[in-house]
Amino acid sequence: MATNKVDALLVGSGVMSTTLATLLKKLDSSLNILMVERLDQVAAESTDGWNNAGTGHAGYCELNYTPQSADGDVAIERALTINANYEISQQLWSSLVESGDLPSPDQFINSTPHISFVWGKENVEFLRKRYEKLKDHHLFADIEYSEDTQTLTEWMPLVMGERVDGEPVAATRVAYGADVDFGSLTRNMVTSLEKKNGFDLRLGHEVTALKKNGGNNWHVTIKNRSTGKKEAITAGFVFLGAGGGALPLLQKSDIPESKGYGGFPVSGQWLVCQNEDVIKQHHAKVYGKAAIGAPPMSVPHLDTRIINGKPALLFGPYAGFTTQFLKAGSRLDLLKSVSANNLKPMIDVGLNNMDLTRYLISEVMQSHKDRVATLQQYLPSAKAEDWTLAHAGQRVQIIKKDEKGRGKLEFGTELVAAEDGTLAALLGASPGASVAAQAMIEVLERCFRMRMDGGWKSKLKALVPSYGESLVDNAHLLQDIRRHTLTTLGLQAVAGKETSGETHHQERREQRRSFG
């Protein structure tokens, strides 16, 4: 295909851009799409298995999605939204498996129970309150709770082994949680896209300039990083899905909607288990409570992972401070992102988040012994020699103006789109890859309004059956869809009729046991 003029230019080859490209080609196979990636391989930054948590973030185990107020109440609204959005991703993946656009699901997703684990009287009380509120909503109808040592040992033997007797402990579990290798998922989607007419992938290329033409097109300059050769591209639509690299490109676009945004970079590290005997004994994602002042991406978890087909056991992440926006970025990224229109918000955030900065620096200064000591809170039998340090991905948290014009730090994701729909950028991090389908559907709704009304909505509903309806509100729809996606993706499905109260939970527990 001729690449000097394209319908859509997607920057970055991570899960966001790839999901959008997949949706666009499904909705209109005639579209010419160019994907530009600065690295020499697909999904090698934030999407790669070693650079993210690999958790299908459904709110099952992540305690930061259910904050507790000063009066002790537990808010579950964000967990409900995230859970429903993750279901949308699973619907899309199921459709792509059925159409042959994705391979056998076990190449990118595996059944891994999601567990929240706490200790101490106050934390146990918090988890109990959280469970009581969540279990009454259909999205979380299958969540289990226990303070029983024997039950908890069955769920997570390594975590309970050698634990101090008499210490209050509690956990919740959702048996059909998942571990997702987003790197493998994305690379398989790109492989499918490359077989289609009208899709071109440029590895080792980066965007150096973009400017709006007199019409509704963008003039974009891309450079081959090996040869230095530049090429001009005219694009009807531009999506900036470059992870931490999206903010600098959004600033280059100079659209009014980009004004005032800044970025706060956070790095991460894992402890990786090298002892295969230990790895074999743990099969779950066990999430705890974050330290006071820690960013959401630093919620500690002991994770079963399947990365590129090989089992692994990771603990972390340990957060750190960095000035790079990408793992393969420049230490000048943060400085270069400062401009006249975001200077005040960034100063405000810097002054108001000194505790966070100190926390991140203290994380960087930890010794291996310090990190293992934290691990031993979750895995009392952990031996320092069994674990090595590995670097995770970079995240750039959003800085923006609040309603009073002051800077505030946001820990979610946010779509920034031009009013005319010709350009969009995705900023932020958590829950990230898990909700890629919903995030990219939002891009379609905001940037392709006429096409959506002109027939794309019905095509999209064929890919995502719940599209246009609320899984938070519609229990029967959720039950039907979840049963189908769990089966299609090879996860631990739960079958059976709906009941109520404790009878319902007991029946679900018995059904889960029957699945082994």
Protein backbone atom coordinates (compact mmCIF):
# COMPACT_ATOMS: atom_id res chain seq x y z
CA MET A 1 0.00 0.00 0.00
CA ALA A 2 1.07 3.58 -0.55
CA THR A 3 1.97 5.01 2.82
CA ASN A 4 2.23 8.67 1.88
CA LYS A 5 -1.51 8.98 2.49
CA VAL A 6 -3.44 6.82 4.98
CA ASP A 7 -6.84 6.81 6.62
CA ALA A 8 -5.39 6.24 10.08
CA LEU A 9 -1.90 6.57 11.55
CA LEU A 10 -1.44 4.75 14.86
CA VAL A 11 1.64 5.59 16.92
CA GLY A 12 2.93 2.74 19.06
CA SER A 13 2.46 -1.00 18.66
CA GLY A 14 1.21 -1.74 22.17
CA VAL A 15 -2.12 -3.20 23.16
CA MET A 16 -4.01 0.10 22.76
CA SER A 17 -2.99 0.89 19.17
CA THR A 18 -3.28 -2.75 18.18
CA THR A 19 -6.76 -3.07 19.66
CA LEU A 20 -7.85 0.08 17.81
CA ALA A 21 -6.36 -1.19 14.53
CA THR A 22 -8.15 -4.51 14.98
CA LEU A 23 -11.49 -2.81 15.63
CA LEU A 24 -11.08 -0.45 12.66
CA LYS A 25 -10.28 -3.28 10.24
CA LYS A 26 -13.22 -5.30 11.54
CA LEU A 27 -15.55 -2.35 11.08
CA ASP A 28 -14.22 -1.34 7.64
CA SER A 29 -11.76 -3.67 5.94
CA SER A 30 -11.05 -1.08 3.22
CA LEU A 31 -9.32 1.35 5.61
CA ASN A 32 -5.62 2.01 5.04
CA ILE A 33 -3.86 1.89 8.40
CA LEU A 34 -0.22 2.64 9.18
CA MET A 35 1.23 1.63 12.57
CA VAL A 36 4.52 3.27 13.56
CA GLU A 37 6.72 1.77 16.32
CA ARG A 38 10.01 3.33 17.42
CA LEU A 39 11.46 0.02 18.67
CA ASP A 40 12.46 -2.95 16.52
CA GLN A 41 9.77 -5.27 17.86
CA VAL A 42 6.06 -5.15 18.61
CA ALA A 43 4.74 -4.52 22.14
CA ALA A 44 8.18 -4.23 23.73
CA GLU A 45 7.43 -1.35 26.12
CA SER A 46 4.55 -1.20 28.66
CA THR A 47 2.59 -4.01 26.98
CA ASP A 48 5.37 -6.61 27.22
CA GLY A 49 4.79 -9.38 29.75
CA TRP A 50 7.77 -8.40 31.90
CA ASN A 51 6.75 -4.73 31.95
CA ASN A 52 3.22 -5.02 33.39
CA ALA A 53 1.35 -6.97 36.06
CA GLY A 54 -0.29 -9.33 33.57
CA THR A 55 -3.42 -9.24 35.70
CA GLY A 56 -6.74 -9.16 33.96
CA HIS A 57 -7.61 -6.14 36.12
CA ALA A 58 -11.21 -6.91 37.00
CA GLY A 59 -11.27 -5.38 40.48
CA TYR A 60 -11.47 -8.85 42.03
CA CYS A 61 -8.27 -8.53 44.04
CA GLU A 62 -7.01 -4.94 43.67
CA LEU A 63 -7.83 -3.26 46.98
CA ASN A 64 -6.97 0.23 45.71
CA TYR A 65 -10.12 0.09 43.54
CA THR A 66 -12.27 -0.10 46.70
CA PRO A 67 -11.05 2.74 48.96
CA GLN A 68 -12.20 3.08 52.53
CA SER A 69 -13.45 6.45 53.76
CA ALA A 70 -12.67 8.03 57.12
CA ASP A 71 -15.97 6.75 58.54
CA GLY A 72 -15.08 3.17 57.57
CA ASP A 73 -17.35 2.80 54.54
CA VAL A 74 -15.96 0.97 51.51
CA ALA A 75 -16.68 2.43 48.06
CA ILE A 76 -17.12 -0.19 45.33
CA GLU A 77 -18.22 1.92 42.36
CA ARG A 78 -14.80 2.03 40.68
CA ALA A 79 -14.39 -1.73 41.06
CA LEU A 80 -17.78 -2.25 39.38
CA THR A 81 -16.82 -0.02 36.45
CA ILE A 82 -13.42 -1.66 35.99
CA ASN A 83 -14.93 -5.14 36.20
CA ALA A 84 -17.53 -4.33 33.56
CA ASN A 85 -14.87 -2.80 31.30
CA TYR A 86 -12.65 -5.86 31.64
CA GLU A 87 -15.60 -8.01 30.57
CA ILE A 88 -15.68 -5.96 27.35
CA SER A 89 -12.05 -6.89 26.67
CA GLN A 90 -12.83 -10.57 27.22
CA GLN A 91 -15.77 -10.34 24.82
CA LEU A 92 -13.53 -8.91 22.10
CA TRP A 93 -10.83 -11.53 22.66
CA SER A 94 -13.47 -14.27 22.54
CA SER A 95 -14.77 -12.95 19.22
CA LEU A 96 -11.25 -12.83 17.80
CA VAL A 97 -10.57 -16.41 18.93
CA GLU A 98 -13.78 -17.56 17.27
CA SER A 99 -12.96 -15.72 14.02
CA GLY A 100 -9.41 -17.09 13.94
CA ASP A 101 -7.82 -13.67 14.43
CA LEU A 102 -6.35 -14.92 17.70
CA PRO A 103 -4.81 -18.36 18.32
CA SER A 104 -5.66 -20.85 21.08
CA PRO A 105 -6.40 -18.76 24.20
CA ASP A 106 -3.76 -20.52 26.28
CA GLN A 107 -1.17 -18.68 24.20
CA PHE A 108 -2.16 -15.40 25.86
CA ILE A 109 -4.54 -16.02 28.79
CA ASN A 110 -4.57 -18.59 31.59
CA SER A 111 -6.89 -19.27 34.51
CA THR A 112 -5.28 -17.89 37.68
CA PRO A 113 -7.35 -17.25 40.85
CA HIS A 114 -7.44 -13.64 42.02
CA ILE A 115 -6.93 -13.32 45.77
CA SER A 116 -6.88 -10.36 48.15
CA PHE A 117 -4.93 -11.13 51.32
CA VAL A 118 -4.56 -9.05 54.49
CA TRP A 119 -3.41 -9.48 58.06
CA GLY A 120 -4.04 -7.50 61.24
CA LYS A 121 -7.37 -6.76 62.92
CA GLU A 122 -8.13 -3.49 61.09
CA ASN A 123 -7.24 -4.85 57.66
CA VAL A 124 -9.32 -7.98 58.22
CA GLU A 125 -12.29 -5.80 59.15
CA PHE A 126 -11.78 -3.74 55.98
CA LEU A 127 -11.65 -6.84 53.79
CA ARG A 128 -14.79 -8.24 55.42
CA LYS A 129 -16.67 -4.99 54.74
CA ARG A 130 -15.41 -4.99 51.16
CA TYR A 131 -16.59 -8.55 50.65
CA GLU A 132 -20.03 -7.85 52.14
CA LYS A 133 -20.60 -5.00 49.71
CA LEU A 134 -19.17 -6.70 46.62
CA LYS A 135 -20.85 -10.11 47.01
CA ASP A 136 -24.32 -8.59 46.73
CA HIS A 137 -23.62 -7.25 43.24
CA HIS A 138 -23.97 -9.66 40.32
CA LEU A 139 -20.55 -8.73 38.93
CA PHE A 140 -18.95 -10.14 42.08
CA ALA A 141 -21.47 -12.86 42.91
CA ASP A 142 -18.79 -15.56 42.86
CA ILE A 143 -16.36 -13.93 45.28
CA GLU A 144 -15.44 -16.06 48.31
CA TYR A 145 -14.27 -14.91 51.74
CA SER A 146 -12.47 -16.75 54.50
CA GLU A 147 -10.61 -16.21 57.74
CA ASP A 148 -10.13 -19.95 58.19
CA THR A 149 -6.46 -20.97 58.19
CA GLN A 150 -7.13 -24.34 56.56
CA THR A 151 -9.13 -22.78 53.73
CA LEU A 152 -6.53 -20.09 53.17
CA THR A 153 -3.80 -22.73 53.10
CA GLU A 154 -5.69 -24.55 50.36
CA TRP A 155 -5.95 -21.31 48.37
CA MET A 156 -2.31 -20.21 48.79
CA PRO A 157 -0.09 -22.75 50.59
CA LEU A 158 3.16 -20.80 50.20
CA VAL A 159 1.64 -17.62 51.60
CA MET A 160 0.27 -19.40 54.65
CA GLY A 161 3.32 -21.57 55.28
CA GLU A 162 5.43 -20.60 58.32
CA ARG A 163 3.03 -17.76 59.18
CA VAL A 164 2.82 -16.63 62.82
CA ASP A 165 0.02 -18.45 64.66
CA GLY A 166 -2.73 -16.31 66.15
CA GLU A 167 -2.32 -13.39 63.77
CA PRO A 168 -5.70 -12.38 62.26
CA VAL A 169 -5.68 -13.08 58.52
CA ALA A 170 -8.33 -13.01 55.80
CA ALA A 171 -8.64 -13.38 52.06
CA THR A 172 -11.14 -13.19 49.24
CA ARG A 173 -10.91 -15.24 46.08
CA VAL A 174 -12.44 -15.33 42.61
CA ALA A 175 -11.49 -18.68 41.12
CA TYR A 176 -11.84 -17.72 37.45
CA GLY A 177 -9.45 -14.78 37.54
CA ALA A 178 -6.87 -14.69 34.77
CA ASP A 179 -3.23 -14.07 34.02
CA VAL A 180 -2.92 -12.29 30.67
CA ASP A 181 0.29 -12.12 28.66
CA PHE A 182 -0.54 -8.82 26.99
CA GLY A 183 2.67 -8.95 24.98
CA SER A 184 1.72 -12.27 23.42
CA LEU A 185 -1.89 -11.14 22.93
CA THR A 186 -0.76 -8.00 21.12
CA ARG A 187 1.84 -9.68 18.95
CA ASN A 188 -0.75 -12.24 17.85
CA MET A 189 -3.19 -9.48 16.94
CA VAL A 190 -0.50 -7.73 14.90
CA THR A 191 0.32 -11.00 13.12
CA SER A 192 -3.34 -11.24 12.12
CA LEU A 193 -3.43 -7.59 11.01
CA GLU A 194 -0.36 -8.04 8.80
CA LYS A 195 -2.26 -10.67 6.79
CA LYS A 196 -4.90 -8.11 5.85
CA ASN A 197 -4.77 -5.71 2.91
CA GLY A 198 -4.43 -2.09 3.89
CA PHE A 199 -2.34 -2.56 7.04
CA ASP A 200 1.33 -1.56 7.23
CA LEU A 201 3.67 -1.82 10.22
CA ARG A 202 6.83 0.29 10.40
CA LEU A 203 9.20 -0.92 13.12
CA GLY A 204 12.22 1.19 14.02
CA HIS A 205 10.43 4.40 13.03
CA GLU A 206 9.42 7.35 15.17
CA VAL A 207 7.22 10.39 14.71
CA THR A 208 9.30 13.58 14.72
CA ALA A 209 6.62 16.12 13.81
CA LEU A 210 2.87 16.39 13.31
CA LYS A 211 0.86 19.38 12.20
CA LYS A 212 -2.74 19.92 11.18
CA ASN A 213 -3.19 20.73 7.50
CA GLY A 214 -5.62 23.34 6.24
CA GLY A 215 -8.22 20.62 5.81
CA ASN A 216 -9.04 17.81 8.22
CA ASN A 217 -5.81 15.92 7.66
CA TRP A 218 -2.57 15.69 9.61
CA HIS A 219 0.88 16.12 8.11
CA VAL A 220 3.12 13.70 10.01
CA THR A 221 6.86 13.24 9.64
CA ILE A 222 8.30 9.83 10.54
CA LYS A 223 11.99 8.95 10.70
CA ASN A 224 13.76 5.66 10.23
CA ARG A 225 15.87 5.40 13.39
CA SER A 226 18.54 3.30 11.68
CA THR A 227 19.06 5.30 8.49
CA GLY A 228 17.81 8.71 9.56
CA LYS A 229 15.64 8.90 6.43
CA LYS A 230 12.44 10.92 6.89
CA GLU A 231 9.08 10.42 5.23
CA ALA A 232 5.98 12.62 5.07
CA ILE A 233 2.61 11.01 5.78
CA THR A 234 -0.83 12.53 5.32
CA ALA A 235 -3.33 10.97 7.72
CA GLY A 236 -7.04 11.50 8.12
CA PHE A 237 -6.86 10.32 11.75
CA VAL A 238 -3.99 10.03 14.21
CA PHE A 239 -3.97 7.98 17.40
CA LEU A 240 -1.20 8.48 19.94
CA GLY A 241 -1.05 5.17 21.80
CA ALA A 242 2.63 5.26 22.63
CA GLY A 243 2.36 4.77 26.40
CA GLY A 244 4.70 7.22 28.11
CA GLY A 245 5.59 8.60 24.67
CA ALA A 246 2.02 9.78 24.04
CA LEU A 247 2.27 12.99 26.09
CA PRO A 248 5.23 14.55 24.18
CA LEU A 249 3.49 13.76 20.88
CA LEU A 250 0.20 15.19 22.13
CA GLN A 251 2.08 18.38 23.01
CA LYS A 252 3.57 18.48 19.49
CA SER A 253 0.06 18.31 18.02
CA ASP A 254 -0.74 21.65 19.71
CA ILE A 255 -4.48 20.93 19.80
CA PRO A 256 -6.31 23.10 22.37
CA GLU A 257 -7.32 20.00 24.33
CA SER A 258 -3.64 19.21 25.03
CA LYS A 259 -3.04 22.38 27.03
CA GLY A 260 -2.26 22.01 30.72
CA TYR A 261 -1.38 18.31 30.69
CA GLY A 262 1.85 17.12 32.23
CA GLY A 263 3.31 13.80 33.26
CA PHE A 264 4.75 12.27 36.45
CA PRO A 265 6.96 9.29 35.55
CA VAL A 266 7.14 6.23 37.82
CA SER A 267 9.38 3.21 37.31
CA GLY A 268 8.99 -0.31 38.63
CA GLN A 269 11.01 -3.38 39.56
CA TRP A 270 10.15 -7.02 40.25
CA LEU A 271 11.67 -9.72 42.40
CA VAL A 272 11.69 -12.79 40.16
CA CYS A 273 11.87 -16.29 41.62
CA GLN A 274 14.62 -18.52 40.20
CA ASN A 275 13.65 -21.68 42.13
CA GLU A 276 11.37 -23.85 39.99
CA ASP A 277 10.27 -25.90 43.03
CA VAL A 278 8.92 -22.71 44.62
CA ILE A 279 7.26 -21.57 41.38
CA LYS A 280 5.34 -24.86 41.12
CA GLN A 281 3.82 -24.43 44.59
CA HIS A 282 2.03 -21.15 43.95
CA HIS A 283 -0.88 -20.71 41.57
CA ALA A 284 -2.68 -17.42 42.16
CA LYS A 285 -2.41 -13.65 42.04
CA VAL A 286 -2.26 -12.55 45.66
CA TYR A 287 -2.75 -8.79 46.12
CA GLY A 288 -2.27 -6.92 49.39
CA LYS A 289 -2.62 -3.34 50.58
CA ALA A 290 -0.31 -0.64 49.29
CA ALA A 291 1.98 1.22 51.65
CA ILE A 292 0.79 4.66 52.72
CA GLY A 293 1.79 7.20 50.07
CA ALA A 294 2.44 4.59 47.39
CA PRO A 295 1.03 5.05 43.86
CA PRO A 296 -1.63 2.52 42.74
CA MET A 297 0.80 0.70 40.45
CA SER A 298 2.80 -0.20 43.59
CA VAL A 299 0.14 -2.38 45.19
CA PRO A 300 2.21 -5.42 46.26
CA HIS A 301 1.32 -8.76 44.72
CA LEU A 302 2.76 -12.27 44.56
CA ASP A 303 2.00 -13.33 41.03
CA THR A 304 1.78 -16.52 39.07
CA ARG A 305 2.67 -15.53 35.51
CA ILE A 306 2.81 -17.29 32.15
CA ILE A 307 5.10 -15.17 29.97
CA ASN A 308 5.84 -16.35 26.44
CA GLY A 309 4.52 -19.76 27.46
CA LYS A 310 6.80 -20.22 30.48
CA PRO A 311 5.62 -20.18 34.14
CA ALA A 312 7.12 -17.52 36.39
CA LEU A 313 6.65 -16.18 39.91
CA LEU A 314 7.04 -12.46 40.50
CA PHE A 315 6.69 -10.20 43.52
CA GLY A 316 6.39 -6.43 43.51
CA PRO A 317 6.42 -4.05 41.91
CA TYR A 318 8.84 -1.86 43.80
CA ALA A 319 8.24 1.68 42.60
CA GLY A 320 10.94 4.18 41.84
CA PHE A 321 11.46 7.71 40.62
CA THR A 322 12.73 8.34 37.11
CA THR A 323 12.78 11.17 34.59
CA GLN A 324 12.26 8.83 31.63
CA PHE A 325 8.82 8.47 30.04
CA LEU A 326 9.68 5.16 28.39
CA LYS A 327 11.85 2.24 29.48
CA ALA A 328 13.89 2.87 26.31
CA GLY A 329 13.49 6.64 26.65
CA SER A 330 15.68 9.59 27.57
CA ARG A 331 16.47 11.02 30.99
CA LEU A 332 15.48 14.38 29.51
CA ASP A 333 11.88 13.28 28.85
CA LEU A 334 10.45 14.96 31.95
CA LEU A 335 12.34 18.23 31.41
CA LYS A 336 11.35 18.38 27.72
CA SER A 337 7.67 17.91 28.63
CA VAL A 338 7.56 21.13 30.67
CA SER A 339 5.95 24.03 28.81
CA ALA A 340 4.38 27.38 29.59
CA ASN A 341 0.86 25.91 29.70
CA ASN A 342 1.64 23.06 32.11
CA LEU A 343 4.38 24.57 34.27
CA LYS A 344 2.05 25.71 37.06
CA PRO A 345 0.12 22.40 37.32
CA MET A 346 3.43 20.49 37.42
CA ILE A 347 4.85 22.76 40.14
CA ASP A 348 1.62 22.38 42.13
CA VAL A 349 1.85 18.59 41.91
CA GLY A 350 5.52 18.65 42.86
CA LEU A 351 4.85 20.77 45.94
CA ASN A 352 1.75 18.85 47.02
CA ASN A 353 3.19 15.36 46.55
CA MET A 354 6.52 15.53 48.36
CA ASP A 355 5.56 12.46 50.39
CA LEU A 356 5.10 10.50 47.16
CA THR A 357 8.45 11.69 45.80
CA ARG A 358 10.21 10.73 49.03
CA TYR A 359 8.49 7.34 48.96
CA LEU A 360 9.63 6.66 45.38
CA ILE A 361 13.21 7.68 46.16
CA SER A 362 13.22 5.47 49.27
CA GLU A 363 12.07 2.55 47.12
CA VAL A 364 15.01 3.09 44.77
CA MET A 365 17.44 3.13 47.70
CA GLN A 366 16.30 -0.23 49.10
CA SER A 367 18.79 -3.07 49.34
CA HIS A 368 18.07 -6.64 48.21
CA LYS A 369 17.68 -7.53 51.89
CA ASP A 370 15.03 -4.79 52.31
CA ARG A 371 13.10 -6.00 49.28
CA VAL A 372 13.17 -9.61 50.45
CA ALA A 373 11.92 -8.50 53.87
CA THR A 374 8.84 -7.02 52.17
CA LEU A 375 8.40 -10.22 50.16
CA GLN A 376 8.52 -12.27 53.36
CA GLN A 377 5.38 -10.51 54.58
CA TYR A 378 3.60 -12.42 51.79
CA LEU A 379 5.91 -15.42 51.54
CA PRO A 380 7.41 -16.09 55.00
CA SER A 381 9.62 -18.91 53.70
CA ALA A 382 11.24 -16.79 50.96
CA LYS A 383 15.02 -17.08 50.70
CA ALA A 384 17.03 -14.17 49.34
CA GLU A 385 19.13 -16.39 47.09
CA ASP A 386 16.02 -17.63 45.24
CA TRP A 387 15.05 -14.16 44.01
CA THR A 388 16.67 -11.67 41.63
CA LEU A 389 15.75 -8.12 40.67
CA ALA A 390 14.30 -7.31 37.24
CA HIS A 391 13.20 -3.97 35.82
CA ALA A 392 9.53 -3.54 34.93
CA GLY A 393 8.04 -0.91 32.63
CA GLN A 394 7.72 2.84 32.92
CA ARG A 395 4.42 4.56 33.67
CA VAL A 396 3.58 8.24 33.27
CA GLN A 397 0.82 9.37 35.60
CA ILE A 398 -1.37 12.25 34.42
CA ILE A 399 -0.95 15.80 35.69
CA LYS A 400 -3.83 18.12 34.83
CA LYS A 401 -5.63 21.20 36.07
CA ASP A 402 -8.48 20.84 38.56
CA GLU A 403 -11.62 22.96 38.54
CA LYS A 404 -9.72 25.75 40.34
CA GLY A 405 -6.85 25.72 37.85
CA ARG A 406 -4.42 24.03 40.22
CA GLY A 407 -2.42 20.96 39.28
CA LYS A 408 -3.52 17.52 40.42
CA LEU A 409 -2.10 14.04 39.97
CA GLU A 410 -4.36 11.43 38.38
CA PHE A 411 -3.70 7.69 38.60
CA GLY A 412 -6.15 6.42 35.99
CA THR A 413 -6.26 6.56 32.21
CA GLU A 414 -7.70 9.43 30.19
CA LEU A 415 -8.56 9.90 26.54
CA VAL A 416 -7.73 13.32 25.09
CA ALA A 417 -9.32 13.96 21.69
CA ALA A 418 -9.46 16.89 19.28
CA GLU A 419 -12.91 18.44 18.95
CA ASP A 420 -13.07 17.52 15.26
CA GLY A 421 -12.16 13.88 16.00
CA THR A 422 -9.03 13.83 13.81
CA LEU A 423 -6.61 13.07 16.66
CA ALA A 424 -6.77 11.22 19.97
CA ALA A 425 -4.24 10.29 22.64
CA LEU A 426 -4.45 7.93 25.58
CA LEU A 427 -2.64 9.09 28.72
CA GLY A 428 -2.08 7.46 32.09
CA ALA A 429 -1.64 3.92 33.38
CA SER A 430 -3.83 1.77 35.67
CA PRO A 431 -5.89 -0.28 34.85
CA GLY A 432 -4.39 0.11 31.38
CA ALA A 433 -4.18 -2.91 29.12
CA SER A 434 -7.04 -4.77 30.80
CA VAL A 435 -9.58 -2.19 29.62
CA ALA A 436 -8.06 -1.59 26.17
CA ALA A 437 -11.24 -2.64 24.36
CA GLN A 438 -13.45 -0.17 26.21
CA ALA A 439 -10.84 2.59 25.87
CA MET A 440 -10.63 2.10 22.11
CA ILE A 441 -14.40 1.91 21.76
CA GLU A 442 -14.44 5.34 23.36
CA VAL A 443 -12.00 6.49 20.66
CA LEU A 444 -14.43 5.22 18.01
CA GLU A 445 -17.37 6.98 19.63
CA ARG A 446 -15.58 10.32 19.96
CA CYS A 447 -13.61 10.35 16.71
CA PHE A 448 -15.77 8.37 14.24
CA ARG A 449 -19.26 9.54 15.22
CA MET A 450 -20.73 9.56 11.73
CA ARG A 451 -19.32 6.15 10.89
CA MET A 452 -20.64 4.73 14.17
CA ASP A 453 -24.14 6.03 13.40
CA GLY A 454 -23.80 4.85 9.82
CA GLY A 455 -23.58 1.16 10.59
CA TRP A 456 -20.51 0.57 12.73
CA LYS A 457 -22.56 0.18 15.92
CA SER A 458 -24.25 -3.00 14.73
CA LYS A 459 -20.91 -4.43 13.58
CA LEU A 460 -19.35 -3.55 16.91
CA LYS A 461 -22.17 -5.25 18.79
CA ALA A 462 -21.38 -8.45 16.87
CA LEU A 463 -17.84 -8.25 18.26
CA VAL A 464 -18.83 -7.08 21.74
CA PRO A 465 -22.36 -8.35 22.47
CA SER A 466 -22.88 -6.10 25.49
CA TYR A 467 -22.12 -2.94 23.49
CA GLY A 468 -24.73 -0.26 24.18
CA GLU A 469 -25.90 -1.94 27.40
CA SER A 470 -24.69 -1.78 30.99
CA LEU A 471 -23.19 -4.87 32.55
CA VAL A 472 -23.27 -3.04 35.88
CA ASP A 473 -27.07 -2.85 35.69
CA ASN A 474 -28.03 -5.95 33.68
CA ALA A 475 -27.42 -9.11 35.71
CA HIS A 476 -28.88 -11.55 33.18
CA LEU A 477 -26.81 -10.14 30.32
CA LEU A 478 -23.66 -10.36 32.44
CA GLN A 479 -24.38 -13.96 33.38
CA ASP A 480 -24.85 -15.03 29.75
CA ILE A 481 -21.83 -13.15 28.46
CA ARG A 482 -19.51 -14.24 31.25
CA ARG A 483 -20.42 -17.88 30.81
CA HIS A 484 -19.64 -17.63 27.09
CA THR A 485 -16.34 -15.75 27.44
CA LEU A 486 -15.02 -17.98 30.23
CA THR A 487 -15.77 -21.03 28.12
CA THR A 488 -14.33 -19.58 24.91
CA LEU A 489 -11.15 -18.38 26.61
CA GLY A 490 -10.66 -21.65 28.47
CA LEU A 491 -10.99 -20.14 31.93
CA GLN A 492 -12.63 -21.78 34.92
CA ALA A 493 -16.31 -21.36 34.04
CA VAL A 494 -19.14 -21.41 36.55
CA ALA A 495 -22.41 -22.93 35.36
CA GLY A 496 -25.75 -23.19 37.08
CA LYS A 497 -28.96 -21.37 37.78
CA GLU A 498 -29.18 -18.11 39.66
CA THR A 499 -30.16 -18.38 43.31
CA SER A 500 -30.06 -15.91 46.14
CA GLY A 501 -28.32 -15.30 49.42
CA GLU A 502 -26.01 -17.79 51.07
CA THR A 503 -27.56 -20.68 49.11
CA HIS A 504 -26.33 -19.03 45.92
CA HIS A 505 -22.79 -18.70 47.25
CA GLN A 506 -22.75 -22.26 48.58
CA GLU A 507 -23.91 -23.64 45.22
CA ARG A 508 -21.27 -21.62 43.39
CA ARG A 509 -18.57 -22.92 45.75
CA GLU A 510 -19.67 -26.50 45.12
CA GLN A 511 -19.67 -25.93 41.36
CA ARG A 512 -16.14 -24.54 41.53
CA ARG A 513 -14.95 -27.61 43.43
CA SER A 514 -16.44 -29.83 40.74
CA PHE A 515 -14.21 -28.07 38.21
CA GLY A 516 -11.13 -28.97 40.27
